[in-house]
């Protein structure tokens, strides 16, 4: 009788540990997905940071040329 109760306690503890393990695996998966999303956003921001000054410069040149053409005629 006593060994049956002890066995049930052990089985319950094993199930609790398995549930904890599944919970940790799910959290790890969620954090990995979040990390990938942040890495993609970082890559996008790096591209924008690199190209934005050139685009702004080209726009400024176009505006300057337009005003020069309109007012210097």
C-alpha atoms as a PDB file:
ATOM      1  CA  UNK A   1       0.000   0.000   0.000  1.00  0.00           C
ATOM      2  CA  UNK A   2       2.743   2.411   0.962  1.00  0.00           C
ATOM      3  CA  UNK A   3       4.741   1.691  -2.202  1.00  0.00           C
ATOM      4  CA  UNK A   4       1.629   2.389  -4.315  1.00  0.00           C
ATOM      5  CA  UNK A   5       1.190   5.801  -2.703  1.00  0.00           C
ATOM      6  CA  UNK A   6       4.903   6.520  -3.157  1.00  0.00           C
ATOM      7  CA  UNK A   7       4.680   5.418  -6.796  1.00  0.00           C
ATOM      8  CA  UNK A   8       1.692   7.717  -7.370  1.00  0.00           C
ATOM      9  CA  UNK A   9       3.596  10.622  -5.824  1.00  0.00           C
ATOM     10  CA  UNK A  10       6.545   9.937  -8.110  1.00  0.00           C
ATOM     11  CA  UNK A  11       4.266   9.689 -11.152  1.00  0.00           C
ATOM     12  CA  UNK A  12       2.588  12.988 -10.224  1.00  0.00           C
ATOM     13  CA  UNK A  13       5.978  14.650  -9.832  1.00  0.00           C
ATOM     14  CA  UNK A  14       7.083  13.305 -13.217  1.00  0.00           C
ATOM     15  CA  UNK A  15       3.940  14.698 -14.870  1.00  0.00           C
ATOM     16  CA  UNK A  16       4.493  18.068 -13.204  1.00  0.00           C
ATOM     17  CA  UNK A  17       8.076  18.126 -14.495  1.00  0.00           C
ATOM     18  CA  UNK A  18       6.912  17.200 -18.001  1.00  0.00           C
ATOM     19  CA  UNK A  19       4.344  20.012 -17.940  1.00  0.00           C
ATOM     20  CA  UNK A  20       7.030  22.451 -16.800  1.00  0.00           C
ATOM     21  CA  UNK A  21       9.279  21.215 -19.575  1.00  0.00           C
ATOM     22  CA  UNK A  22       6.563  21.749 -22.213  1.00  0.00           C
ATOM     23  CA  UNK A  23       5.923  25.232 -20.844  1.00  0.00           C
ATOM     24  CA  UNK A  24       9.634  26.092 -21.079  1.00  0.00           C
ATOM     25  CA  UNK A  25       9.830  24.717 -24.626  1.00  0.00           C
ATOM     26  CA  UNK A  26       6.887  26.886 -25.670  1.00  0.00           C
ATOM     27  CA  UNK A  27       8.462  29.946 -24.085  1.00  0.00           C
ATOM     28  CA  UNK A  28      11.774  29.191 -25.821  1.00  0.00           C
ATOM     29  CA  UNK A  29       9.987  28.897 -29.172  1.00  0.00           C
ATOM     30  CA  UNK A  30       8.193  32.201 -28.563  1.00  0.00           C
ATOM     31  CA  UNK A  31      11.449  33.960 -27.653  1.00  0.00           C
ATOM     32  CA  UNK A  32      13.179  32.532 -30.739  1.00  0.00           C
ATOM     33  CA  UNK A  33      10.404  33.854 -32.966  1.00  0.00           C
ATOM     34  CA  UNK A  34      10.631  37.258 -31.296  1.00  0.00           C
ATOM     35  CA  UNK A  35      14.401  37.273 -31.753  1.00  0.00           C
ATOM     36  CA  UNK A  36      14.035  36.529 -35.478  1.00  0.00           C
ATOM     37  CA  UNK A  37      11.482  39.332 -35.825  1.00  0.00           C
ATOM     38  CA  UNK A  38      13.795  41.802 -34.076  1.00  0.00           C
ATOM     39  CA  UNK A  39      16.726  40.727 -36.256  1.00  0.00           C
ATOM     40  CA  UNK A  40      14.645  41.345 -39.388  1.00  0.00           C
ATOM     41  CA  UNK A  41      13.583  44.776 -38.113  1.00  0.00           C
ATOM     42  CA  UNK A  42      17.205  45.612 -37.310  1.00  0.00           C
ATOM     43  CA  UNK A  43      18.272  44.640 -40.822  1.00  0.00           C
ATOM     44  CA  UNK A  44      15.511  46.811 -42.294  1.00  0.00           C
ATOM     45  CA  UNK A  45      16.540  49.790 -40.157  1.00  0.00           C
ATOM     46  CA  UNK A  46      20.171  49.354 -41.182  1.00  0.00           C
ATOM     47  CA  UNK A  47      19.182  49.431 -44.863  1.00  0.00           C
ATOM     48  CA  UNK A  48      17.045  52.524 -44.340  1.00  0.00           C
ATOM     49  CA  UNK A  49      19.817  54.280 -42.434  1.00  0.00           C
ATOM     50  CA  UNK A  50      22.235  53.592 -45.263  1.00  0.00           C
ATOM     51  CA  UNK A  51      19.963  54.734 -48.136  1.00  0.00           C
ATOM     52  CA  UNK A  52      17.931  57.541 -46.562  1.00  0.00           C
ATOM     53  CA  UNK A  53      20.650  60.239 -46.729  1.00  0.00           C
ATOM     54  CA  UNK A  54      21.195  59.514 -50.424  1.00  0.00           C
ATOM     55  CA  UNK A  55      17.480  59.712 -51.163  1.00  0.00           C
ATOM     56  CA  UNK A  56      17.165  62.962 -49.213  1.00  0.00           C
ATOM     57  CA  UNK A  57      20.197  64.367 -51.034  1.00  0.00           C
ATOM     58  CA  UNK A  58      18.760  63.436 -54.419  1.00  0.00           C
ATOM     59  CA  UNK A  59      15.463  65.083 -53.473  1.00  0.00           C
ATOM     60  CA  UNK A  60      17.256  68.241 -52.363  1.00  0.00           C
ATOM     61  CA  UNK A  61      19.188  68.367 -55.649  1.00  0.00           C
ATOM     62  CA  UNK A  62      15.972  67.895 -57.627  1.00  0.00           C
ATOM     63  CA  UNK A  63      14.210  70.676 -55.714  1.00  0.00           C
ATOM     64  CA  UNK A  64      17.191  73.010 -56.115  1.00  0.00           C
ATOM     65  CA  UNK A  65      17.377  72.350 -59.851  1.00  0.00           C
ATOM     66  CA  UNK A  66      13.627  72.884 -60.209  1.00  0.00           C
ATOM     67  CA  UNK A  67      13.697  76.229 -58.403  1.00  0.00           C
ATOM     68  CA  UNK A  68      16.805  77.297 -60.338  1.00  0.00           C
ATOM     69  CA  UNK A  69      15.149  76.441 -63.617  1.00  0.00           C
ATOM     70  CA  UNK A  70      11.933  78.281 -62.699  1.00  0.00           C
ATOM     71  CA  UNK A  71      13.467  81.447 -61.280  1.00  0.00           C
ATOM     72  CA  UNK A  72      16.559  81.835 -63.438  1.00  0.00           C
ATOM     73  CA  UNK A  73      14.756  81.924 -66.755  1.00  0.00           C
END
